[in-house]
N, C-alpha and C. Protein backbone atom coordinates (compact mmCIF):
# COMPACT_ATOMS: atom_id res chain seq x y z
N MET A 1 -60.56 -52.36 -99.58
CA MET A 1 -59.53 -52.26 -100.74
C MET A 1 -59.89 -51.17 -101.66
N SER A 2 -59.12 -50.49 -102.20
CA SER A 2 -59.47 -49.40 -103.13
C SER A 2 -59.31 -49.95 -104.57
N LEU A 3 -59.98 -49.21 -105.40
CA LEU A 3 -59.98 -49.51 -106.91
C LEU A 3 -58.55 -49.63 -107.31
N ALA A 4 -57.59 -48.78 -106.90
CA ALA A 4 -56.20 -48.86 -107.34
C ALA A 4 -55.62 -50.31 -106.90
N THR A 5 -55.93 -50.72 -105.68
CA THR A 5 -55.22 -52.01 -105.25
C THR A 5 -55.95 -53.20 -106.10
N ARG A 6 -57.17 -52.95 -106.35
CA ARG A 6 -57.86 -54.20 -106.93
C ARG A 6 -57.25 -54.39 -108.41
N VAL A 7 -57.29 -53.07 -109.11
CA VAL A 7 -56.64 -53.21 -110.48
C VAL A 7 -55.34 -53.77 -110.65
N SER A 8 -54.57 -53.29 -109.60
CA SER A 8 -53.16 -53.75 -109.50
C SER A 8 -53.00 -55.28 -109.29
N LYS A 9 -53.92 -55.77 -108.20
CA LYS A 9 -53.77 -57.13 -107.95
C LYS A 9 -54.40 -57.99 -109.15
N LEU A 10 -55.43 -57.54 -109.73
CA LEU A 10 -55.98 -58.38 -110.92
C LEU A 10 -55.00 -58.48 -112.06
N ARG A 11 -54.17 -57.32 -112.25
CA ARG A 11 -53.44 -57.30 -113.34
C ARG A 11 -52.15 -58.07 -113.05
N ARG A 12 -51.63 -58.12 -112.01
CA ARG A 12 -50.60 -59.11 -111.55
C ARG A 12 -50.99 -60.48 -111.48
N ARG A 13 -52.11 -60.71 -111.11
CA ARG A 13 -52.64 -62.04 -111.06
C ARG A 13 -52.87 -62.73 -112.51
N LYS A 14 -53.20 -61.86 -113.40
CA LYS A 14 -53.37 -62.31 -114.70
C LYS A 14 -51.98 -62.19 -115.56
N GLY A 15 -50.89 -61.71 -114.93
CA GLY A 15 -49.69 -61.76 -115.47
C GLY A 15 -49.44 -60.70 -116.48
N GLN A 16 -50.01 -59.67 -116.60
CA GLN A 16 -49.95 -58.66 -117.49
C GLN A 16 -49.17 -57.32 -117.24
N SER A 17 -48.61 -56.88 -118.25
CA SER A 17 -47.91 -55.64 -117.91
C SER A 17 -48.95 -54.51 -118.06
N LEU A 18 -48.52 -53.34 -117.53
CA LEU A 18 -49.30 -52.01 -117.60
C LEU A 18 -49.72 -51.86 -119.05
N GLN A 19 -48.80 -51.96 -120.12
CA GLN A 19 -48.99 -51.74 -121.56
C GLN A 19 -50.17 -52.71 -122.00
N GLU A 20 -50.08 -54.01 -121.50
CA GLU A 20 -51.18 -54.95 -122.06
C GLU A 20 -52.44 -54.64 -121.57
N VAL A 21 -52.62 -54.14 -120.29
CA VAL A 21 -53.87 -53.84 -119.68
C VAL A 21 -54.40 -52.50 -120.57
N ALA A 22 -53.53 -51.41 -120.61
CA ALA A 22 -53.68 -50.19 -121.27
C ALA A 22 -54.33 -50.50 -122.85
N ASP A 23 -53.52 -51.41 -123.53
CA ASP A 23 -54.10 -51.81 -124.93
C ASP A 23 -55.45 -52.37 -124.89
N ALA A 24 -55.59 -53.21 -123.92
CA ALA A 24 -56.86 -54.08 -123.87
C ALA A 24 -58.15 -53.14 -123.44
N VAL A 25 -57.98 -52.04 -122.75
CA VAL A 25 -59.07 -51.10 -122.42
C VAL A 25 -58.98 -49.72 -123.07
N GLY A 26 -58.00 -49.62 -123.78
CA GLY A 26 -58.09 -48.43 -124.74
C GLY A 26 -57.44 -47.06 -123.86
N VAL A 27 -56.56 -47.24 -123.17
CA VAL A 27 -55.89 -45.96 -122.53
C VAL A 27 -54.55 -46.27 -122.44
N SER A 28 -53.85 -45.09 -122.15
CA SER A 28 -52.36 -45.05 -122.10
C SER A 28 -51.88 -45.86 -120.98
N LYS A 29 -50.66 -46.32 -120.98
CA LYS A 29 -49.86 -47.07 -119.96
C LYS A 29 -49.75 -46.16 -118.79
N ALA A 30 -49.52 -44.85 -118.91
CA ALA A 30 -49.47 -44.02 -117.96
C ALA A 30 -50.79 -43.77 -117.02
N HIS A 31 -51.99 -43.95 -117.91
CA HIS A 31 -53.09 -43.93 -117.13
C HIS A 31 -53.38 -45.07 -116.33
N VAL A 32 -52.99 -46.10 -116.70
CA VAL A 32 -53.18 -47.50 -115.82
C VAL A 32 -52.34 -47.30 -114.74
N TRP A 33 -51.10 -46.86 -114.95
CA TRP A 33 -50.14 -46.68 -113.68
C TRP A 33 -50.83 -45.66 -112.73
N GLU A 34 -51.32 -44.50 -113.30
CA GLU A 34 -51.93 -43.58 -112.35
C GLU A 34 -53.12 -44.27 -111.62
N LEU A 35 -53.83 -45.14 -112.24
CA LEU A 35 -55.06 -45.69 -111.65
C LEU A 35 -54.52 -46.57 -110.50
N GLU A 36 -53.42 -47.48 -110.88
CA GLU A 36 -52.92 -48.21 -109.73
C GLU A 36 -52.31 -47.48 -108.70
N LYS A 37 -51.76 -46.43 -108.80
CA LYS A 37 -51.26 -45.68 -107.68
C LYS A 37 -52.30 -44.82 -107.02
N GLY A 38 -53.51 -44.75 -107.48
CA GLY A 38 -54.59 -44.05 -106.93
C GLY A 38 -54.52 -42.56 -107.14
N ARG A 39 -53.78 -42.27 -108.03
CA ARG A 39 -53.66 -40.91 -108.44
C ARG A 39 -54.67 -40.45 -109.82
N ALA A 40 -55.44 -41.06 -110.15
CA ALA A 40 -56.34 -40.88 -111.32
C ALA A 40 -57.67 -40.50 -110.66
N ASP A 41 -58.10 -39.37 -110.68
CA ASP A 41 -59.37 -38.80 -110.07
C ASP A 41 -60.46 -39.27 -110.82
N ASN A 42 -61.49 -39.84 -110.24
CA ASN A 42 -62.71 -40.16 -110.66
C ASN A 42 -62.65 -40.77 -112.37
N PRO A 43 -62.18 -42.17 -112.31
CA PRO A 43 -62.07 -42.55 -113.76
C PRO A 43 -63.51 -42.71 -114.06
N SER A 44 -63.76 -42.63 -115.49
CA SER A 44 -65.01 -42.69 -116.16
C SER A 44 -65.66 -44.13 -115.97
N MET A 45 -66.94 -44.17 -115.84
CA MET A 45 -67.63 -45.44 -115.81
C MET A 45 -67.41 -46.28 -116.92
N ALA A 46 -67.18 -45.80 -118.18
CA ALA A 46 -66.83 -46.49 -119.37
C ALA A 46 -65.53 -47.29 -119.15
N LEU A 47 -64.54 -46.54 -118.47
CA LEU A 47 -63.22 -47.15 -118.20
C LEU A 47 -63.35 -48.34 -117.24
N VAL A 48 -64.08 -48.04 -115.99
CA VAL A 48 -64.27 -49.05 -115.02
C VAL A 48 -64.89 -50.14 -115.69
N THR A 49 -65.99 -50.01 -116.52
CA THR A 49 -66.54 -51.07 -117.11
C THR A 49 -65.76 -51.84 -118.02
N ARG A 50 -64.72 -51.40 -118.76
CA ARG A 50 -63.93 -51.97 -119.65
C ARG A 50 -62.93 -52.75 -118.81
N LEU A 51 -62.51 -52.13 -117.76
CA LEU A 51 -61.58 -52.81 -116.88
C LEU A 51 -62.20 -54.20 -116.25
N ALA A 52 -63.49 -54.02 -115.70
CA ALA A 52 -64.12 -55.11 -115.17
C ALA A 52 -64.40 -56.17 -116.24
N ASP A 53 -64.69 -55.90 -117.38
CA ASP A 53 -64.90 -56.77 -118.57
C ASP A 53 -63.62 -57.58 -118.85
N HIS A 54 -62.34 -56.71 -118.97
CA HIS A 54 -61.19 -57.31 -119.16
C HIS A 54 -60.74 -58.29 -118.12
N PHE A 55 -60.87 -57.91 -116.77
CA PHE A 55 -60.45 -58.84 -115.75
C PHE A 55 -61.46 -59.93 -115.32
N GLY A 56 -62.66 -59.82 -115.99
CA GLY A 56 -63.61 -60.86 -115.71
C GLY A 56 -64.36 -60.71 -114.43
N VAL A 57 -64.49 -59.37 -113.83
CA VAL A 57 -65.10 -59.14 -112.52
C VAL A 57 -66.21 -58.21 -112.77
N SER A 58 -66.86 -58.03 -111.74
CA SER A 58 -68.09 -57.14 -111.80
C SER A 58 -67.73 -55.53 -111.51
N VAL A 59 -68.38 -54.61 -112.02
CA VAL A 59 -68.11 -53.27 -111.74
C VAL A 59 -68.17 -53.18 -110.29
N ALA A 60 -69.03 -53.71 -109.58
CA ALA A 60 -69.24 -53.45 -108.28
C ALA A 60 -68.04 -53.98 -107.45
N PHE A 61 -67.41 -55.05 -107.82
CA PHE A 61 -66.23 -55.61 -107.29
C PHE A 61 -65.23 -54.52 -107.27
N LEU A 62 -64.92 -54.02 -108.54
CA LEU A 62 -63.87 -52.89 -108.77
C LEU A 62 -64.03 -51.74 -107.95
N ALA A 63 -65.44 -51.41 -107.76
CA ALA A 63 -65.73 -50.09 -107.00
C ALA A 63 -65.76 -50.34 -105.57
N GLY A 64 -65.56 -51.61 -105.15
CA GLY A 64 -65.63 -51.90 -103.85
C GLY A 64 -66.86 -51.95 -102.97
N GLU A 65 -67.83 -52.22 -104.04
CA GLU A 65 -69.45 -52.26 -103.52
C GLU A 65 -69.95 -53.72 -103.53
N ASP A 66 -69.19 -54.70 -103.74
CA ASP A 66 -69.58 -56.02 -103.73
C ASP A 66 -69.61 -56.47 -102.29
N VAL A 67 -70.74 -56.54 -101.62
CA VAL A 67 -70.50 -56.95 -100.32
C VAL A 67 -70.48 -58.51 -100.10
N GLU A 68 -70.51 -59.18 -101.31
CA GLU A 68 -70.26 -60.64 -101.25
C GLU A 68 -68.87 -60.99 -101.62
N SER A 69 -68.00 -59.98 -101.95
CA SER A 69 -66.66 -60.39 -102.49
C SER A 69 -65.87 -60.89 -101.38
N PRO A 70 -64.84 -61.81 -101.75
CA PRO A 70 -64.03 -62.51 -100.69
C PRO A 70 -63.34 -61.56 -99.89
N ASP A 71 -62.91 -60.35 -100.34
CA ASP A 71 -62.26 -59.42 -99.43
C ASP A 71 -63.11 -58.33 -98.70
N ALA A 72 -64.42 -58.52 -98.83
CA ALA A 72 -65.29 -57.52 -98.08
C ALA A 72 -65.23 -57.63 -96.72
N ASP A 73 -65.41 -56.53 -96.02
CA ASP A 73 -65.45 -56.41 -94.59
C ASP A 73 -66.50 -57.29 -93.82
N GLN A 74 -66.24 -58.16 -93.09
CA GLN A 74 -67.35 -58.94 -92.48
C GLN A 74 -68.43 -58.06 -91.63
N GLN A 75 -67.82 -57.21 -90.94
CA GLN A 75 -68.60 -56.12 -90.12
C GLN A 75 -69.61 -55.66 -91.18
N LEU A 76 -69.09 -55.03 -92.19
CA LEU A 76 -69.91 -54.27 -93.17
C LEU A 76 -70.95 -55.29 -93.92
N GLN A 77 -70.51 -56.60 -93.97
CA GLN A 77 -71.54 -57.48 -94.60
C GLN A 77 -72.70 -57.64 -93.78
N ARG A 78 -72.55 -57.88 -92.38
CA ARG A 78 -73.40 -58.08 -91.26
C ARG A 78 -74.39 -56.91 -91.34
N MET A 79 -73.78 -55.49 -91.31
CA MET A 79 -74.54 -54.43 -91.41
C MET A 79 -75.46 -54.26 -92.65
N PHE A 80 -74.98 -54.73 -93.69
CA PHE A 80 -75.68 -54.60 -94.95
C PHE A 80 -76.99 -55.63 -94.76
N ARG A 81 -76.59 -56.90 -94.43
CA ARG A 81 -77.86 -57.77 -94.09
C ARG A 81 -78.88 -57.34 -93.20
N GLN A 82 -78.39 -56.71 -92.16
CA GLN A 82 -79.35 -56.09 -91.28
C GLN A 82 -79.99 -55.02 -91.79
N ALA A 83 -79.52 -54.05 -92.64
CA ALA A 83 -80.14 -52.94 -93.28
C ALA A 83 -81.22 -53.49 -94.32
N GLN A 84 -81.10 -54.62 -94.91
CA GLN A 84 -81.95 -55.10 -95.86
C GLN A 84 -83.37 -55.51 -95.14
N GLN A 85 -83.34 -55.52 -93.81
CA GLN A 85 -84.65 -55.78 -93.07
C GLN A 85 -85.32 -54.55 -92.83
N LEU A 86 -84.70 -53.33 -93.01
CA LEU A 86 -85.47 -52.06 -92.64
C LEU A 86 -86.21 -51.56 -93.81
N ASP A 87 -87.40 -50.91 -93.47
CA ASP A 87 -88.23 -50.35 -94.37
C ASP A 87 -87.77 -49.17 -95.04
N ALA A 88 -88.21 -48.66 -96.11
CA ALA A 88 -87.88 -47.62 -96.90
C ALA A 88 -87.53 -46.21 -95.98
N ASN A 89 -88.43 -45.96 -95.24
CA ASN A 89 -88.14 -44.83 -94.17
C ASN A 89 -87.15 -45.05 -93.38
N GLU A 90 -87.02 -46.14 -92.80
CA GLU A 90 -85.58 -46.53 -91.85
C GLU A 90 -84.43 -46.41 -92.89
N ARG A 91 -84.46 -46.89 -93.79
CA ARG A 91 -83.32 -46.80 -94.70
C ARG A 91 -83.00 -45.38 -94.93
N ALA A 92 -83.98 -44.55 -95.33
CA ALA A 92 -83.51 -42.98 -95.57
C ALA A 92 -82.86 -42.49 -94.30
N ILE A 93 -83.52 -42.93 -93.19
CA ILE A 93 -82.68 -42.23 -91.86
C ILE A 93 -81.45 -42.78 -91.81
N LEU A 94 -81.10 -44.08 -92.16
CA LEU A 94 -79.81 -44.65 -92.01
C LEU A 94 -78.83 -43.89 -93.03
N ASP A 95 -79.45 -43.75 -94.25
CA ASP A 95 -78.65 -42.99 -95.27
C ASP A 95 -78.15 -41.58 -94.84
N ASP A 96 -79.12 -40.88 -94.17
CA ASP A 96 -78.96 -39.57 -93.66
C ASP A 96 -77.95 -39.61 -92.59
N MET A 97 -77.87 -40.57 -91.65
CA MET A 97 -76.90 -40.69 -90.59
C MET A 97 -75.66 -40.99 -91.31
N MET A 98 -75.48 -41.61 -92.23
CA MET A 98 -74.18 -42.01 -92.91
C MET A 98 -73.61 -40.79 -93.60
N LYS A 99 -74.52 -40.04 -94.26
CA LYS A 99 -74.01 -38.75 -94.88
C LYS A 99 -73.45 -37.84 -94.03
N SER A 100 -74.17 -37.77 -92.80
CA SER A 100 -73.73 -36.80 -91.79
C SER A 100 -72.31 -37.25 -91.13
N LEU A 101 -72.29 -38.48 -90.90
CA LEU A 101 -71.00 -38.95 -90.39
C LEU A 101 -69.95 -38.69 -91.43
N LEU A 102 -70.13 -39.05 -92.60
CA LEU A 102 -68.97 -38.80 -93.62
C LEU A 102 -68.56 -37.41 -93.83
N LYS A 103 -69.74 -36.58 -93.59
CA LYS A 103 -69.39 -34.98 -93.87
C LYS A 103 -68.56 -34.39 -92.75
N ARG A 104 -68.79 -35.00 -91.55
CA ARG A 104 -68.00 -34.54 -90.43
C ARG A 104 -66.43 -34.92 -90.53
N ARG A 105 -66.22 -35.87 -91.53
CA ARG A 105 -64.71 -36.31 -91.67
C ARG A 105 -63.99 -35.19 -92.44
N THR A 106 -64.75 -34.46 -93.18
CA THR A 106 -63.93 -33.61 -94.25
C THR A 106 -63.76 -32.25 -93.55
């Protein structure tokens, strides 16, 4: 799930308007709308932190990096658990492999 989807779901779950969220985190209503539509490129860490604080979630959850979140992919959870058993050298190799795979996609 993307940051956009998470923000939208959290806002709706809290029963808030775009304006209410915008006021709470100090940005414009349009900016929150752009975030929810996935059109805001690279929101600042400060904004993501304010959103996490406002919704009562972790920054990792908003960024999709919380492997323990309820919506986390189970296969990725398993892979993460397995990667924790690797030593530093093996993790570096795994990291290089992932970077290589992602680079091929662009």
